[in-house]
């Protein structure tokens, strides 16, 4: 059976922590920043952690060797 291919778009967006959680960069920090508060922009800088119910989908379908 051939190797499964990694979805490259997902590989650029998600990464795994040491404990197996999935990290991603939060959206809405690219443009139209003047109307967003400083607090909101500051919180968007930090990486988000995907909820546990979506992790198996990412691991199985998108990043099989992650």
C-alpha atoms as a PDB file:
ATOM      1  CA  UNK A   1       0.000   0.000   0.000  1.00  0.00           C
ATOM      2  CA  UNK A   2       1.438   3.410  -0.924  1.00  0.00           C
ATOM      3  CA  UNK A   3       2.207   6.106   1.586  1.00  0.00           C
ATOM      4  CA  UNK A   4      -0.510   8.617   2.390  1.00  0.00           C
ATOM      5  CA  UNK A   5       0.163  12.131   1.159  1.00  0.00           C
ATOM      6  CA  UNK A   6       0.139  15.016   3.593  1.00  0.00           C
ATOM      7  CA  UNK A   7      -2.250  17.829   2.700  1.00  0.00           C
ATOM      8  CA  UNK A   8       0.272  20.619   2.235  1.00  0.00           C
ATOM      9  CA  UNK A   9      -2.261  23.370   2.905  1.00  0.00           C
ATOM     10  CA  UNK A  10      -2.970  21.828   6.314  1.00  0.00           C
ATOM     11  CA  UNK A  11       0.734  21.335   7.033  1.00  0.00           C
ATOM     12  CA  UNK A  12       1.246  25.090   6.595  1.00  0.00           C
ATOM     13  CA  UNK A  13      -1.636  25.945   8.927  1.00  0.00           C
ATOM     14  CA  UNK A  14      -1.390  23.410  11.752  1.00  0.00           C
ATOM     15  CA  UNK A  15       1.382  22.047  13.936  1.00  0.00           C
ATOM     16  CA  UNK A  16       1.467  19.644  16.854  1.00  0.00           C
ATOM     17  CA  UNK A  17       2.550  20.317  20.418  1.00  0.00           C
ATOM     18  CA  UNK A  18       4.611  17.822  22.371  1.00  0.00           C
ATOM     19  CA  UNK A  19       1.525  16.450  24.096  1.00  0.00           C
ATOM     20  CA  UNK A  20      -0.335  15.925  20.796  1.00  0.00           C
ATOM     21  CA  UNK A  21      -2.555  19.006  20.741  1.00  0.00           C
ATOM     22  CA  UNK A  22      -2.974  20.905  17.476  1.00  0.00           C
ATOM     23  CA  UNK A  23      -1.831  24.539  17.265  1.00  0.00           C
ATOM     24  CA  UNK A  24      -2.911  27.089  14.654  1.00  0.00           C
ATOM     25  CA  UNK A  25      -2.492  30.804  13.981  1.00  0.00           C
ATOM     26  CA  UNK A  26      -5.590  32.835  14.741  1.00  0.00           C
ATOM     27  CA  UNK A  27      -7.292  34.708  11.916  1.00  0.00           C
ATOM     28  CA  UNK A  28      -8.331  38.385  11.558  1.00  0.00           C
ATOM     29  CA  UNK A  29      -4.926  40.002  12.065  1.00  0.00           C
ATOM     30  CA  UNK A  30      -4.030  40.838   8.445  1.00  0.00           C
ATOM     31  CA  UNK A  31      -5.872  44.041   7.521  1.00  0.00           C
ATOM     32  CA  UNK A  32      -8.572  46.475   8.704  1.00  0.00           C
ATOM     33  CA  UNK A  33      -6.796  46.697  12.042  1.00  0.00           C
ATOM     34  CA  UNK A  34      -7.840  50.251  12.921  1.00  0.00           C
ATOM     35  CA  UNK A  35     -11.312  49.292  14.111  1.00  0.00           C
ATOM     36  CA  UNK A  36     -10.054  46.404  16.259  1.00  0.00           C
ATOM     37  CA  UNK A  37      -9.153  47.147  19.847  1.00  0.00           C
ATOM     38  CA  UNK A  38      -5.600  46.739  21.128  1.00  0.00           C
ATOM     39  CA  UNK A  39      -6.752  43.991  23.480  1.00  0.00           C
ATOM     40  CA  UNK A  40      -8.330  42.040  20.631  1.00  0.00           C
ATOM     41  CA  UNK A  41      -5.235  42.366  18.431  1.00  0.00           C
ATOM     42  CA  UNK A  42      -2.975  41.342  21.311  1.00  0.00           C
ATOM     43  CA  UNK A  43      -5.020  38.201  21.951  1.00  0.00           C
ATOM     44  CA  UNK A  44      -4.989  37.304  18.248  1.00  0.00           C
ATOM     45  CA  UNK A  45      -1.165  37.218  18.237  1.00  0.00           C
ATOM     46  CA  UNK A  46      -1.011  34.077  20.359  1.00  0.00           C
ATOM     47  CA  UNK A  47      -1.428  30.636  18.841  1.00  0.00           C
ATOM     48  CA  UNK A  48      -4.770  28.925  19.286  1.00  0.00           C
ATOM     49  CA  UNK A  49      -5.249  25.306  20.317  1.00  0.00           C
ATOM     50  CA  UNK A  50      -7.764  23.231  18.398  1.00  0.00           C
ATOM     51  CA  UNK A  51     -10.578  21.650  20.392  1.00  0.00           C
ATOM     52  CA  UNK A  52     -10.141  17.969  21.217  1.00  0.00           C
ATOM     53  CA  UNK A  53     -13.031  16.763  19.039  1.00  0.00           C
ATOM     54  CA  UNK A  54     -11.353  18.077  15.855  1.00  0.00           C
ATOM     55  CA  UNK A  55      -7.899  16.620  16.546  1.00  0.00           C
ATOM     56  CA  UNK A  56      -8.588  13.082  15.192  1.00  0.00           C
ATOM     57  CA  UNK A  57      -9.768  14.529  11.864  1.00  0.00           C
ATOM     58  CA  UNK A  58      -6.595  16.568  11.447  1.00  0.00           C
ATOM     59  CA  UNK A  59      -4.352  13.673  12.440  1.00  0.00           C
ATOM     60  CA  UNK A  60      -6.036  11.045  10.277  1.00  0.00           C
ATOM     61  CA  UNK A  61      -6.977  12.873   7.076  1.00  0.00           C
ATOM     62  CA  UNK A  62      -4.787  15.920   6.762  1.00  0.00           C
ATOM     63  CA  UNK A  63      -1.536  15.213   8.578  1.00  0.00           C
ATOM     64  CA  UNK A  64      -1.210  11.406   8.728  1.00  0.00           C
ATOM     65  CA  UNK A  65       2.487  11.490   9.705  1.00  0.00           C
ATOM     66  CA  UNK A  66       2.292  14.509  12.011  1.00  0.00           C
END
